[in-house]
Amino acid sequence: MSELREIISTGNDLAAIAAVDAGCMFFGGYPITPSSEVMHTISDLLPRVGGAAVQMEDEIGGVAAAIGASMSGVRSLTATSGPGISLKAENLGLAQMAEVPLVVVNVMRGGPSTGLPTRVAQGDVAQAKNPSHGDYKSITLCAGNLAECYTETVRAFNLADRFMQPVFVLLDETIGHMHGKAMIPTQEAVKAGIKLRKTFDGPAEEYKPYGVAQDEPAVLNPMFTGYRYHFTGLHHDADGFPTEEIETCRKLIDRLFRKVDEHRDEIELNEEYMLEDADILLIGYGSASLAIKEAINELRKEGIKAGMFRPITLWPSPEERLYELGQKFDKVLSVELNQGQYLEEIQRAMGRKDIEKLTKTNGRPFSPADIIEKVKEVF
C-alpha cells in the first residue's frame, strides 16, 4: 500500500491538516492576512478529534494560550504573519527559556509594519532566527511547495517535542494561497512517525526537569500529573526555580545552544537540484525556489548549466554544506524576496563576499524570466 495520498488544497489548509494529523490538539491565534485560513481550517478540524481552537483577543493572547496548552502536555499550534510574530515575541522568548514545545506557522507578507498584507515577501527570515531577545538557538523550517506545507508542519511538531522549544514553519503568501495538487504522506504514515516529548516516570523527589545533560532539552512532564516543578522566564535551576548562581546561569544558556547545535543532523534538510554538473549555483528558498527551478530548466536548454541549493531548514543554517558549495562554485547567485536577509548567512558560511544577489521587495513574486535575465547579466 502506498504511503502517499493525493490531495488538492492550498498551502495554508495543508498546514492546518498536517497539524491535526500530527496530533495537535490545541490552536490559539488571531486572524491576520495572509495566514487566516490556517486558523479557519483548524477550527473546523480540531473539534472533530476532541481538540480545541480558540480565537483570542489578540496575537499575544493567542500564543500565550498555545503555550499554556503545551504546558498541559498537548501538542499546540499558533499561526500568524510577520506583525503577529512581532507581538508574540515576548511569549516566544518565554517558551525558549522555559523550554515549552510549540509550532508557529508564519505566512510571510510584505513589511515592515503593516507593509503589504496581501502580497508576497520573505522578509521574516532574519526575524525567525531571533524572534525574541536573548541567547537561544531557533529552529526554522521553510516550505518550498504545497507538499512541504504539510510535511514540514508535521516535522515541526516532532522537532518541537524532541528539542522542547518553539519551531517555526515559514510559508509565504504565494505558497500559502497557492491551490493545486500535492502528494502527501498518509495519516497512518504520519502517526507511525510521531515522536512525542520525553517524560519522567520515577519517584517525584528525583524529578529534576532541567537537570539534564548539556546537549539535551528539559524533560517536562505535563502539568497536573503528580510532579511538581516551576515554570519561569527567569534563569532557573534544575527544578525550574529562579536563580542568579553564576555557573547555573552559564550552563543554562550554554545548554539552550548545545541541545540544537550538537544535533544538527536531526534538524537539517536541504534540496539540491541539478547540481552534479552545474557551473552556476543558485540559492533560494520558499516560493522563490519554484521560479528558480523553471529558470534552470530554461537555461539548460540554452546550454547554461545552472543548479539550485535550497535550504529547507533555514535555522540553524546548513553552514557546512554552504561552505562546501562555496569552495566548488565560483559563480553563485542568491535569490530572495527581501533585501538579502539570508545572503548574509550565505556569505558568512561560505567565507566570501562576492556572492551575486537578486532581490525583490515590491510584493510581487519572481518569474523565471527575472532569474534568467539576472544570470545572463552577471555571469
Protein backbone atom coordinates (compact mmCIF):
# COMPACT_ATOMS: atom_id res chain seq x y z
CA MET A 1 0.00 0.00 0.00
CA SER A 2 1.32 3.44 -0.94
CA GLU A 3 2.34 5.73 1.90
CA LEU A 4 1.34 8.76 -0.17
CA ARG A 5 -2.07 10.23 -0.92
CA GLU A 6 -3.17 12.85 -3.40
CA ILE A 7 -4.87 15.99 -2.18
CA ILE A 8 -5.95 19.22 -3.88
CA SER A 9 -5.67 22.09 -1.44
CA THR A 10 -3.92 25.33 -0.54
CA GLY A 11 -0.72 25.67 1.44
CA ASN A 12 -2.44 27.24 4.43
CA ASP A 13 -5.06 24.50 4.56
CA LEU A 14 -2.38 21.82 4.25
CA ALA A 15 -0.54 23.26 7.25
CA ALA A 16 -3.73 23.02 9.30
CA ILE A 17 -4.47 19.47 8.12
CA ALA A 18 -0.89 18.45 8.88
CA ALA A 19 -1.10 19.80 12.42
CA VAL A 20 -4.18 17.70 13.20
CA ASP A 21 -2.71 14.61 11.56
CA ALA A 22 0.44 15.12 13.66
CA GLY A 23 -1.59 15.04 16.87
CA CYS A 24 -2.07 18.75 17.54
CA MET A 25 -4.94 19.19 19.98
CA PHE A 26 -4.94 22.96 20.57
CA PHE A 27 -4.75 26.07 18.44
CA GLY A 28 -4.58 29.57 19.85
CA GLY A 29 -4.42 32.51 17.49
CA TYR A 30 -5.87 35.58 15.91
CA PRO A 31 -6.76 36.21 12.25
CA ILE A 32 -4.21 38.05 10.12
CA THR A 33 -3.67 38.15 6.37
CA PRO A 34 -2.34 36.02 4.71
CA SER A 35 -2.39 33.29 7.39
CA SER A 36 -6.05 33.39 8.46
CA GLU A 37 -7.02 30.23 6.58
CA VAL A 38 -4.79 28.16 8.88
CA MET A 39 -6.95 29.18 11.84
CA HIS A 40 -10.19 28.90 9.85
CA THR A 41 -9.45 25.34 8.75
CA ILE A 42 -8.04 24.01 12.01
CA SER A 43 -11.01 25.43 13.94
CA ASP A 44 -13.15 23.12 11.81
CA LEU A 45 -10.90 20.10 12.20
CA LEU A 46 -9.87 20.11 15.86
CA PRO A 47 -13.34 19.65 17.45
CA ARG A 48 -13.80 16.50 15.35
CA VAL A 49 -10.85 14.85 17.12
CA GLY A 50 -11.57 16.19 20.59
CA GLY A 51 -9.28 19.20 20.33
CA ALA A 52 -9.97 22.91 20.69
CA ALA A 53 -9.27 26.03 18.67
CA VAL A 54 -9.62 29.43 20.31
CA GLN A 55 -9.55 32.84 18.67
CA MET A 56 -8.10 35.04 21.38
CA GLU A 57 -8.47 38.79 21.75
CA ASP A 58 -5.13 39.44 20.05
CA GLU A 59 -1.90 37.85 18.88
CA ILE A 60 -0.38 37.98 22.34
CA GLY A 61 -3.29 36.08 23.84
CA GLY A 62 -3.12 33.55 21.01
CA VAL A 63 0.46 32.49 21.65
CA ALA A 64 0.02 32.66 25.44
CA ALA A 65 -2.93 30.26 25.24
CA ALA A 66 -0.98 27.90 22.98
CA ILE A 67 1.98 27.89 25.39
CA GLY A 68 -0.36 27.18 28.30
CA ALA A 69 -1.92 24.26 26.43
CA SER A 70 1.52 22.87 25.69
CA MET A 71 2.42 23.07 29.37
CA SER A 72 -0.51 20.73 30.00
CA GLY A 73 1.09 18.17 27.69
CA VAL A 74 -0.74 18.53 24.37
CA ARG A 75 0.72 19.47 21.01
CA SER A 76 -0.11 23.10 20.30
CA LEU A 77 -0.04 25.45 17.32
CA THR A 78 -0.31 29.13 16.63
CA ALA A 79 -0.28 30.73 13.18
CA THR A 80 0.24 34.31 12.08
CA SER A 81 2.15 36.63 9.77
CA GLY A 82 5.07 38.99 10.39
CA PRO A 83 3.31 41.65 12.51
CA GLY A 84 1.87 38.87 14.65
CA ILE A 85 5.32 37.42 15.30
CA SER A 86 6.39 40.87 16.49
CA LEU A 87 3.54 40.86 19.01
CA LYS A 88 4.22 37.27 20.08
CA ALA A 89 7.94 37.94 20.61
CA GLU A 90 7.94 38.21 24.40
CA ASN A 91 6.00 34.99 24.89
CA LEU A 92 8.17 33.20 22.32
CA GLY A 93 11.14 34.13 24.47
CA LEU A 94 9.35 32.64 27.47
CA ALA A 95 8.85 29.38 25.57
CA GLN A 96 12.55 29.32 24.65
CA MET A 97 13.66 29.88 28.24
CA ALA A 98 11.12 27.57 29.90
CA GLU A 99 11.59 25.03 27.06
CA VAL A 100 7.95 24.67 26.11
CA PRO A 101 7.36 22.96 22.74
CA LEU A 102 5.23 24.89 20.26
CA VAL A 103 4.79 25.10 16.49
CA VAL A 104 4.47 28.55 14.93
CA VAL A 105 3.35 28.87 11.30
CA ASN A 106 4.30 32.24 9.81
CA VAL A 107 2.83 33.00 6.38
CA MET A 108 5.12 35.84 5.33
CA ARG A 109 3.91 39.08 3.72
CA GLY A 110 5.45 42.44 2.91
CA GLY A 111 6.77 44.61 5.74
CA PRO A 112 7.96 46.21 7.95
CA SER A 113 4.93 47.33 9.98
CA THR A 114 1.64 46.79 8.13
CA GLY A 115 3.51 46.64 4.82
CA LEU A 116 1.74 44.73 2.06
CA PRO A 117 -0.76 42.44 3.80
CA THR A 118 -1.99 40.69 0.64
CA ARG A 119 1.33 40.42 -1.18
CA VAL A 120 4.24 38.02 -1.04
CA ALA A 121 7.57 38.56 0.69
CA GLN A 122 10.25 36.65 2.57
CA GLY A 123 11.02 39.45 4.98
CA ASP A 124 10.76 37.45 8.21
CA VAL A 125 13.80 35.22 7.70
CA ALA A 126 16.07 37.25 9.97
CA GLN A 127 13.25 37.64 12.49
CA ALA A 128 12.81 33.86 12.60
CA LYS A 129 16.41 33.46 13.69
CA ASN A 130 15.93 35.74 16.71
CA PRO A 131 12.22 36.48 17.20
CA SER A 132 12.82 37.43 20.84
CA HIS A 133 15.70 38.99 22.74
CA GLY A 134 18.40 36.96 24.43
CA ASP A 135 20.54 33.94 23.62
CA TYR A 136 18.99 30.74 22.26
CA LYS A 137 19.00 28.68 19.07
CA SER A 138 15.99 28.98 16.81
CA ILE A 139 14.74 26.11 14.68
CA THR A 140 13.09 27.36 11.49
CA LEU A 141 11.77 25.29 8.59
CA CYS A 142 10.69 26.76 5.24
CA ALA A 143 8.20 25.12 2.88
CA GLY A 144 9.03 25.40 -0.81
CA ASN A 145 5.96 23.74 -2.34
CA LEU A 146 2.47 22.59 -1.42
CA ALA A 147 3.51 19.16 -0.20
CA GLU A 148 6.05 20.70 2.18
CA CYS A 149 3.37 22.90 3.75
CA TYR A 150 2.16 19.56 5.07
CA THR A 151 5.39 17.61 5.63
CA GLU A 152 7.33 20.47 7.24
CA THR A 153 4.46 21.18 9.65
CA VAL A 154 4.45 17.52 10.67
CA ARG A 155 8.23 17.61 11.05
CA ALA A 156 7.98 20.78 13.12
CA PHE A 157 5.81 19.07 15.74
CA ASN A 158 8.28 16.21 16.08
CA LEU A 159 11.20 18.63 16.37
CA ALA A 160 9.36 20.79 18.91
CA ASP A 161 8.87 17.76 21.16
CA ARG A 162 12.40 16.50 20.54
CA PHE A 163 14.11 19.81 21.35
CA MET A 164 11.46 21.27 23.69
CA GLN A 165 11.18 24.72 22.16
CA PRO A 166 9.20 26.70 19.56
CA VAL A 167 9.74 25.55 15.98
CA PHE A 168 8.86 27.92 13.14
CA VAL A 169 7.39 26.90 9.80
CA LEU A 170 7.75 29.67 7.23
CA LEU A 171 5.32 29.80 4.35
CA ASP A 172 4.85 32.88 2.21
CA GLU A 173 1.75 34.39 0.65
CA THR A 174 2.33 32.66 -2.68
CA ILE A 175 2.77 29.20 -1.13
CA GLY A 176 0.03 29.77 1.46
CA HIS A 177 -2.61 30.73 -1.11
CA MET A 178 -1.43 28.51 -3.95
CA HIS A 179 -4.12 25.95 -4.86
CA GLY A 180 -3.15 22.70 -6.50
CA LYS A 181 -2.37 19.01 -6.24
CA ALA A 182 0.07 17.68 -3.68
CA MET A 183 1.27 14.20 -2.82
CA ILE A 184 1.47 13.95 0.96
CA PRO A 185 2.01 11.11 3.45
CA THR A 186 -0.97 9.07 4.56
CA GLN A 187 -2.37 9.68 8.04
CA GLU A 188 -1.15 6.23 9.03
CA ALA A 189 2.41 7.04 7.93
CA VAL A 190 2.36 10.33 9.85
CA LYS A 191 1.04 8.70 13.01
CA ALA A 192 3.69 5.97 12.77
CA GLY A 193 6.39 8.64 12.69
CA ILE A 194 5.17 10.71 15.64
CA LYS A 195 7.86 11.19 18.28
CA LEU A 196 6.44 12.64 21.47
CA ARG A 197 8.39 14.53 24.13
CA LYS A 198 10.21 12.57 26.80
CA THR A 199 8.65 12.30 30.25
CA PHE A 200 9.88 11.17 33.66
CA ASP A 201 8.21 8.27 35.49
CA GLY A 202 10.41 7.82 38.55
CA PRO A 203 9.93 8.95 42.14
CA ALA A 204 8.72 12.55 42.42
CA GLU A 205 11.61 13.51 44.72
CA GLU A 206 14.08 12.55 41.99
CA TYR A 207 12.45 14.61 39.24
CA LYS A 208 14.70 17.44 38.04
CA PRO A 209 13.13 18.71 34.78
CA TYR A 210 16.05 20.98 33.86
CA GLY A 211 18.75 18.78 35.39
CA VAL A 212 19.71 17.15 32.10
CA ALA A 213 22.87 16.67 30.03
CA GLN A 214 24.35 19.78 28.44
CA ASP A 215 23.33 18.70 24.93
CA GLU A 216 19.77 17.71 25.82
CA PRO A 217 16.46 19.56 26.30
CA ALA A 218 14.45 19.73 29.50
CA VAL A 219 12.17 16.83 30.41
CA LEU A 220 8.86 18.49 31.26
CA ASN A 221 6.06 16.24 32.42
CA PRO A 222 2.55 17.58 31.70
CA MET A 223 1.20 19.81 34.44
CA PHE A 224 -1.30 18.34 36.91
CA THR A 225 0.14 14.80 36.69
CA GLY A 226 1.72 14.50 40.12
CA TYR A 227 5.15 16.04 39.52
CA ARG A 228 5.85 19.50 40.91
CA TYR A 229 8.23 21.95 39.29
CA HIS A 230 8.38 25.61 38.34
CA PHE A 231 7.92 27.43 35.02
CA THR A 232 9.65 30.79 34.71
CA GLY A 233 11.21 33.13 32.17
CA LEU A 234 13.99 33.84 34.66
CA HIS A 235 17.26 31.93 34.73
CA HIS A 236 16.48 28.82 36.73
CA ASP A 237 17.94 25.78 38.45
CA ALA A 238 17.31 22.08 37.86
CA ASP A 239 13.84 22.34 39.43
CA GLY A 240 12.90 25.41 37.41
CA PHE A 241 13.15 27.89 40.29
CA PRO A 242 14.78 31.30 39.68
CA THR A 243 18.47 31.64 40.44
CA GLU A 244 21.36 34.02 39.85
CA GLU A 245 24.05 31.47 40.72
CA ILE A 246 26.84 32.14 38.22
CA GLU A 247 27.64 28.66 36.99
CA THR A 248 23.98 27.57 36.86
CA CYS A 249 23.10 30.57 34.68
CA ARG A 250 26.06 29.98 32.36
CA LYS A 251 25.26 26.30 31.90
CA LEU A 252 21.59 27.01 31.21
CA ILE A 253 22.24 29.29 28.25
CA ASP A 254 25.06 27.07 27.03
CA ARG A 255 22.61 24.16 27.01
CA LEU A 256 19.99 26.10 25.03
CA PHE A 257 22.63 26.37 22.30
CA ARG A 258 24.17 22.93 22.54
CA LYS A 259 20.91 20.98 22.57
CA VAL A 260 20.42 22.25 18.99
CA ASP A 261 23.97 22.71 17.71
CA GLU A 262 25.13 19.23 18.66
CA HIS A 263 22.17 17.55 16.97
CA ARG A 264 22.01 19.44 13.68
CA ASP A 265 21.90 16.13 11.82
CA GLU A 266 18.40 15.60 13.21
CA ILE A 267 17.24 19.04 12.02
CA GLU A 268 18.96 19.90 8.75
CA LEU A 269 17.14 19.22 5.48
CA ASN A 270 18.03 20.60 2.04
CA GLU A 271 17.18 20.11 -1.63
CA GLU A 272 19.81 20.04 -4.38
CA TYR A 273 18.55 20.39 -7.96
CA MET A 274 20.79 19.65 -10.96
CA LEU A 275 23.97 20.47 -9.06
CA GLU A 276 26.04 17.50 -10.22
CA ASP A 277 27.26 19.06 -13.47
CA ALA A 278 26.37 22.70 -12.79
CA ASP A 279 28.69 25.64 -13.40
CA ILE A 280 26.40 28.21 -11.77
CA LEU A 281 24.90 27.86 -8.27
CA LEU A 282 21.55 29.48 -7.49
CA ILE A 283 20.42 29.59 -3.85
CA GLY A 284 16.82 30.23 -2.86
CA TYR A 285 14.01 29.00 -0.64
CA GLY A 286 10.22 29.14 -0.29
CA SER A 287 8.17 30.11 -3.33
CA ALA A 288 11.23 31.72 -4.97
CA SER A 289 12.66 28.23 -5.46
CA LEU A 290 9.78 27.31 -7.79
CA ALA A 291 10.76 30.11 -10.17
CA ILE A 292 14.44 29.14 -9.81
CA LYS A 293 13.72 25.58 -10.95
CA GLU A 294 11.86 26.77 -14.02
CA ALA A 295 14.68 29.19 -14.80
CA ILE A 296 17.26 26.39 -14.51
CA ASN A 297 15.25 24.21 -16.90
CA GLU A 298 15.15 27.02 -19.47
CA LEU A 299 18.82 27.97 -19.01
CA ARG A 300 19.90 24.40 -19.62
CA LYS A 301 18.00 24.37 -22.90
CA GLU A 302 20.37 27.17 -23.91
CA GLY A 303 23.41 25.25 -22.73
CA ILE A 304 23.87 27.21 -19.49
CA LYS A 305 24.44 24.69 -16.70
CA ALA A 306 22.83 26.08 -13.57
CA GLY A 307 21.73 24.22 -10.45
CA MET A 308 19.98 25.07 -7.20
CA PHE A 309 20.65 24.61 -3.49
CA ARG A 310 17.54 25.11 -1.38
CA PRO A 311 17.74 25.12 2.42
CA ILE A 312 14.52 23.66 3.81
CA THR A 313 15.86 24.12 7.33
CA LEU A 314 16.85 27.79 7.38
CA TRP A 315 17.91 27.92 11.05
CA PRO A 316 20.23 26.53 12.14
CA SER A 317 21.64 27.14 8.69
CA PRO A 318 23.30 24.36 6.66
CA GLU A 319 26.63 26.10 7.11
CA GLU A 320 28.85 23.09 6.41
CA ARG A 321 27.14 22.34 3.09
CA LEU A 322 27.15 26.01 2.15
CA TYR A 323 30.90 26.12 2.81
CA GLU A 324 31.46 23.08 0.58
CA LEU A 325 29.41 24.60 -2.22
CA GLY A 326 31.27 27.88 -1.84
CA GLN A 327 34.53 26.02 -2.47
CA LYS A 328 33.11 24.25 -5.52
CA PHE A 329 31.32 27.09 -7.33
CA ASP A 330 32.85 30.37 -8.46
CA LYS A 331 29.51 31.67 -9.75
CA VAL A 332 26.89 31.97 -7.01
CA LEU A 333 23.58 33.88 -7.11
CA SER A 334 21.28 34.32 -4.10
CA VAL A 335 17.58 34.85 -4.93
CA GLU A 336 15.31 36.27 -2.21
CA LEU A 337 12.04 38.14 -1.82
CA ASN A 338 13.72 40.55 0.59
CA GLN A 339 16.80 42.75 0.56
CA GLY A 340 19.16 39.86 1.20
CA GLN A 341 18.41 38.57 4.69
CA TYR A 342 19.76 35.07 4.02
CA LEU A 343 22.55 36.37 1.80
CA GLU A 344 24.41 37.48 4.92
CA GLU A 345 24.31 33.90 6.23
CA ILE A 346 25.46 32.53 2.87
CA GLN A 347 28.40 34.96 2.88
CA ARG A 348 29.30 34.01 6.45
CA ALA A 349 29.10 30.26 5.83
CA MET A 350 31.00 30.39 2.53
CA GLY A 351 33.55 32.89 3.82
CA ARG A 352 33.00 35.03 0.71
CA LYS A 353 31.65 38.46 -0.14
CA ASP A 354 31.48 38.01 -3.92
CA ILE A 355 28.00 36.42 -3.97
CA GLU A 356 25.67 37.98 -6.54
CA LYS A 357 22.12 38.70 -5.45
CA LEU A 358 18.67 39.09 -6.98
CA THR A 359 16.10 40.62 -4.64
CA LYS A 360 12.55 41.91 -4.87
CA THR A 361 10.51 43.76 -2.22
CA ASN A 362 7.50 45.12 -4.11
CA GLY A 363 5.14 42.32 -3.15
CA ARG A 364 5.36 40.54 -6.50
CA PRO A 365 6.83 37.07 -6.98
CA PHE A 366 9.80 36.23 -9.15
CA SER A 367 9.17 34.98 -12.65
CA PRO A 368 11.62 32.55 -14.26
CA ALA A 369 12.40 35.34 -16.73
CA ASP A 370 13.61 37.57 -13.86
CA ILE A 371 16.13 34.94 -12.84
CA ILE A 372 17.25 34.06 -16.36
CA GLU A 373 17.89 37.73 -17.10
CA LYS A 374 19.95 38.15 -13.93
CA VAL A 375 22.04 35.03 -14.58
CA LYS A 376 22.90 36.25 -18.08
CA GLU A 377 23.64 39.74 -16.78
CA VAL A 378 26.11 38.78 -14.03
CA PHE A 379 27.64 35.58 -15.41
